[in-house]
Amino acid sequence: MNTFFTNKKINLMIVACITLLSMDCVAQQQTLKPDLSKTTNFRVINRQITVLNEQGKNAVHLDAKPGDGVAWINNITFEKGIIEFDVKGKNVLQQSFVGIAFHGLNDSTFDAIYFRPFNFQSPDDSRKNHSVQYVSLPQFDWSALREKYPGKYENSLLKALNPEGWFHAKVVVDATNIAVYVNDDKEPSLVVKPISNHTTGKIGFWVGNNSDGDFSNLTIRNN
């Protein structure tokens, strides 16, 4: 009898441990939705940030200035998982670079995925092939990657998009690959292996040289 109750107690403890572990896994995979309605929720580098309400949704606008800019989201780090956001650029040649920075170690050391909307509908296929880009700064910017690994870290989109309109981006990051999906595409527009050893860090909205951009509906899931 004692053995029976002892075994039963052990089994209950095992079930409790499994339940706690399951709850912990769910918590770790819980989706974060940062509040985009307050500029105080960001630490902004080389830009001014403005809160907008467009088409009934909260959005933030980063203005255009020479050099890159980033709006780091306070108190959030990202390692691996899924980043989703809506973004809008413009159809102005070399003045619309918009995307997301992650694995930020400091204000100049991070990975990023960004888009060049002015290439989305270009009649020049070589420009279309530069529509979405992965970089790892400061060592591997777009020019270094294009020179050393042409066509490997940038690509065209699967479908033509309005370069002046909102579109949805999903960035899936794991230990071996980074995949970028656009809107409701089932296949990624870009798949790359990370070229840096950055594995965790800050996350924020990113704009490139002389570029402004609008961002909304950010969700972050750390796996």
Protein backbone atom coordinates (compact mmCIF):
# COMPACT_ATOMS: atom_id res chain seq x y z
CA MET A 1 0.00 0.00 0.00
CA ASN A 2 2.75 2.41 0.89
CA THR A 3 4.45 1.59 -2.38
CA PHE A 4 1.20 2.32 -4.25
CA PHE A 5 0.78 5.75 -2.67
CA THR A 6 4.46 6.52 -3.13
CA ASN A 7 4.25 5.70 -6.83
CA LYS A 8 1.05 7.69 -7.17
CA LYS A 9 2.72 10.68 -5.52
CA ILE A 10 5.70 10.39 -7.85
CA ASN A 11 3.39 10.20 -10.88
CA LEU A 12 1.52 13.31 -9.74
CA MET A 13 4.80 15.15 -9.31
CA ILE A 14 5.87 14.15 -12.83
CA VAL A 15 2.56 15.37 -14.27
CA ALA A 16 2.93 18.64 -12.36
CA CYS A 17 6.46 19.12 -13.69
CA ILE A 18 5.35 18.42 -17.25
CA THR A 19 2.49 20.90 -16.86
CA LEU A 20 4.82 23.57 -15.55
CA LEU A 21 7.27 22.95 -18.38
CA SER A 22 4.44 23.17 -20.91
CA MET A 23 3.24 26.43 -19.39
CA ASP A 24 6.80 27.75 -19.50
CA CYS A 25 7.10 26.82 -23.19
CA VAL A 26 3.82 28.57 -23.95
CA ALA A 27 5.00 31.66 -22.08
CA GLN A 28 8.27 31.63 -23.99
CA GLN A 29 6.39 31.45 -27.29
CA GLN A 30 3.84 34.08 -26.34
CA THR A 31 3.45 36.82 -28.90
CA LEU A 32 4.48 40.33 -27.86
CA LYS A 33 2.66 43.32 -29.33
CA PRO A 34 4.61 46.47 -28.46
CA ASP A 35 2.57 49.62 -27.89
CA LEU A 36 3.18 51.88 -30.89
CA SER A 37 1.00 54.71 -29.61
CA LYS A 38 3.70 56.37 -27.46
CA THR A 39 7.01 57.74 -28.69
CA THR A 40 8.42 57.18 -25.19
CA ASN A 41 8.38 53.44 -25.91
CA PHE A 42 11.28 53.90 -28.33
CA ARG A 43 14.89 55.04 -28.22
CA VAL A 44 15.48 56.67 -31.56
CA ILE A 45 18.85 57.05 -33.30
CA ASN A 46 19.36 59.67 -36.04
CA ARG A 47 15.64 60.20 -36.67
CA GLN A 48 12.55 61.92 -35.35
CA ILE A 49 9.60 59.66 -34.56
CA THR A 50 5.93 60.58 -34.89
CA VAL A 51 2.87 58.58 -33.86
CA LEU A 52 0.23 58.23 -36.58
CA ASN A 53 -3.20 56.72 -36.95
CA GLU A 54 -3.61 55.42 -40.48
CA GLN A 55 -6.57 53.43 -41.72
CA GLY A 56 -7.67 52.89 -38.12
CA LYS A 57 -4.37 51.46 -36.90
CA ASN A 58 -1.58 52.90 -34.78
CA ALA A 59 1.60 53.52 -36.71
CA VAL A 60 4.91 55.30 -36.26
CA HIS A 61 6.71 57.46 -38.79
CA LEU A 62 10.46 57.90 -38.97
CA ASP A 63 11.56 60.97 -40.91
CA ALA A 64 14.25 61.15 -43.59
CA LYS A 65 17.82 62.21 -42.85
CA PRO A 66 21.28 61.42 -44.22
CA GLY A 67 22.59 58.14 -42.82
CA ASP A 68 20.73 55.19 -41.37
CA GLY A 69 18.25 55.50 -38.52
CA VAL A 70 16.68 53.09 -36.07
CA ALA A 71 13.93 53.21 -33.44
CA TRP A 72 14.83 50.63 -30.79
CA ILE A 73 11.86 49.30 -28.81
CA ASN A 74 12.45 49.71 -25.10
CA ASN A 75 12.73 46.65 -22.85
CA ILE A 76 12.41 44.02 -25.59
CA THR A 77 15.10 41.64 -26.84
CA PHE A 78 14.85 39.11 -29.62
CA GLU A 79 16.78 35.87 -30.13
CA LYS A 80 14.94 33.60 -32.55
CA GLY A 81 11.34 33.23 -33.60
CA ILE A 82 9.05 35.32 -35.77
CA ILE A 83 8.86 39.08 -36.35
CA GLU A 84 5.86 40.46 -38.21
CA PHE A 85 5.08 44.06 -39.12
CA ASP A 86 3.37 46.30 -41.67
CA VAL A 87 5.56 48.81 -43.46
CA LYS A 88 5.20 51.53 -46.08
CA GLY A 89 7.94 53.24 -48.07
CA LYS A 90 7.81 55.32 -51.25
CA ASN A 91 8.64 55.13 -54.94
CA VAL A 92 11.65 57.45 -54.92
CA LEU A 93 14.89 56.07 -56.29
CA GLN A 94 17.56 55.54 -53.59
CA GLN A 95 15.36 57.23 -50.95
CA SER A 96 13.26 54.38 -49.58
CA PHE A 97 14.99 51.72 -47.51
CA VAL A 98 12.65 50.38 -44.82
CA GLY A 99 12.81 47.35 -42.55
CA ILE A 100 13.55 45.82 -39.16
CA ALA A 101 16.77 45.67 -37.14
CA PHE A 102 17.33 42.82 -34.68
CA HIS A 103 20.06 41.16 -32.62
CA GLY A 104 21.22 44.66 -31.78
CA LEU A 105 24.35 44.74 -29.63
CA ASN A 106 24.60 48.53 -29.87
CA ASP A 107 23.47 51.32 -32.18
CA SER A 108 25.77 50.27 -35.01
CA THR A 109 26.07 46.48 -34.56
CA PHE A 110 22.99 44.48 -35.57
CA ASP A 111 21.36 42.38 -38.28
CA ALA A 112 18.59 43.78 -40.45
CA ILE A 113 16.11 42.84 -43.13
CA TYR A 114 14.96 45.71 -45.28
CA PHE A 115 13.11 46.48 -48.49
CA ARG A 116 13.67 48.86 -51.41
CA PRO A 117 10.13 49.77 -52.54
CA PHE A 118 11.43 51.86 -55.44
CA ASN A 119 12.58 48.58 -57.02
CA PHE A 120 9.29 46.70 -56.62
CA GLN A 121 7.91 47.55 -60.07
CA SER A 122 11.07 48.46 -61.91
CA PRO A 123 11.22 47.31 -65.56
CA ASP A 124 14.87 46.47 -64.91
CA ASP A 125 15.13 42.89 -63.59
CA SER A 126 18.48 43.62 -61.95
CA ARG A 127 16.80 46.28 -59.81
CA LYS A 128 13.88 43.98 -58.99
CA ASN A 129 16.41 41.47 -57.71
CA HIS A 130 17.46 44.07 -55.12
CA SER A 131 13.97 44.42 -53.58
CA VAL A 132 14.64 42.69 -50.24
CA GLN A 133 18.00 42.63 -48.47
CA TYR A 134 19.73 41.05 -45.48
CA VAL A 135 22.67 42.87 -43.88
CA SER A 136 24.79 42.41 -40.78
CA LEU A 137 26.30 45.70 -39.70
CA PRO A 138 28.84 47.13 -39.49
CA GLN A 139 30.98 44.60 -41.33
CA PHE A 140 28.56 43.24 -43.91
CA ASP A 141 26.54 46.09 -45.38
CA TRP A 142 24.77 45.75 -48.72
CA SER A 143 27.76 46.84 -50.79
CA ALA A 144 30.16 44.35 -49.17
CA LEU A 145 27.67 41.51 -49.55
CA ARG A 146 26.84 42.39 -53.14
CA GLU A 147 30.52 42.52 -54.05
CA LYS A 148 31.54 39.29 -52.30
CA TYR A 149 28.32 37.28 -52.65
CA PRO A 150 26.30 38.70 -55.57
CA GLY A 151 22.65 37.64 -55.44
CA LYS A 152 23.02 35.65 -52.21
CA TYR A 153 21.73 38.09 -49.59
CA GLU A 154 19.12 39.98 -51.64
CA ASN A 155 16.31 39.00 -53.96
CA SER A 156 13.16 40.00 -55.81
CA LEU A 157 9.69 39.61 -54.32
CA LEU A 158 7.45 36.77 -55.46
CA LYS A 159 4.73 39.25 -56.48
CA ALA A 160 4.83 42.85 -57.64
CA LEU A 161 3.73 45.30 -54.94
CA ASN A 162 2.61 48.90 -54.91
CA PRO A 163 5.79 50.78 -53.89
CA GLU A 164 3.67 53.51 -52.24
CA GLY A 165 1.37 51.19 -50.27
CA TRP A 166 1.38 49.24 -47.03
CA PHE A 167 2.59 45.65 -47.12
CA HIS A 168 3.11 42.95 -44.49
CA ALA A 169 6.48 41.37 -43.75
CA LYS A 170 7.20 38.22 -41.75
CA VAL A 171 10.78 37.46 -40.76
CA VAL A 172 11.41 33.95 -39.43
CA VAL A 173 14.71 33.59 -37.58
CA ASP A 174 16.16 30.31 -36.35
CA ALA A 175 19.64 29.06 -35.56
CA THR A 176 20.50 28.35 -39.19
CA ASN A 177 18.29 30.47 -41.47
CA ILE A 178 16.48 33.76 -41.86
CA ALA A 179 13.42 33.63 -44.12
CA VAL A 180 11.38 36.62 -45.31
CA TYR A 181 7.73 36.32 -46.35
CA VAL A 182 5.66 39.15 -47.84
CA ASN A 183 1.89 39.57 -47.45
CA ASP A 184 0.16 36.19 -47.77
CA ASP A 185 2.92 34.43 -49.73
CA LYS A 186 3.35 30.78 -48.76
CA GLU A 187 6.93 30.76 -50.00
CA PRO A 188 9.67 33.13 -48.82
CA SER A 189 11.06 35.88 -51.04
CA LEU A 190 14.45 35.53 -49.36
CA VAL A 191 16.20 32.78 -47.39
CA VAL A 192 19.72 33.34 -46.07
CA LYS A 193 22.09 31.89 -43.53
CA PRO A 194 23.15 34.53 -40.97
CA ILE A 195 26.62 35.75 -41.75
CA SER A 196 27.31 37.16 -38.29
CA ASN A 197 27.54 35.60 -34.85
CA HIS A 198 24.86 37.91 -33.42
CA THR A 199 22.30 35.68 -31.71
CA THR A 200 20.32 38.00 -29.45
CA GLY A 201 19.81 41.67 -28.79
CA LYS A 202 17.64 44.72 -29.32
CA ILE A 203 14.95 45.02 -31.97
CA GLY A 204 13.59 48.08 -33.73
CA PHE A 205 12.34 49.72 -36.91
CA TRP A 206 15.08 50.65 -39.39
CA VAL A 207 15.36 53.14 -42.25
CA GLY A 208 18.29 53.74 -44.57
CA ASN A 209 20.11 56.74 -45.95
CA ASN A 210 17.79 59.67 -46.80
CA SER A 211 14.76 57.46 -46.14
CA ASP A 212 11.60 57.84 -44.13
CA GLY A 213 9.08 55.12 -43.42
CA ASP A 214 5.86 54.13 -41.69
CA PHE A 215 5.50 51.04 -39.48
CA SER A 216 2.54 49.33 -37.80
CA ASN A 217 1.14 46.05 -36.40
CA LEU A 218 4.42 44.80 -34.96
CA THR A 219 4.33 41.37 -33.31
CA ILE A 220 7.32 39.52 -31.89
CA ARG A 221 7.46 35.88 -30.89
CA ASN A 222 10.61 34.63 -29.19
CA ASN A 223 10.90 30.85 -29.46
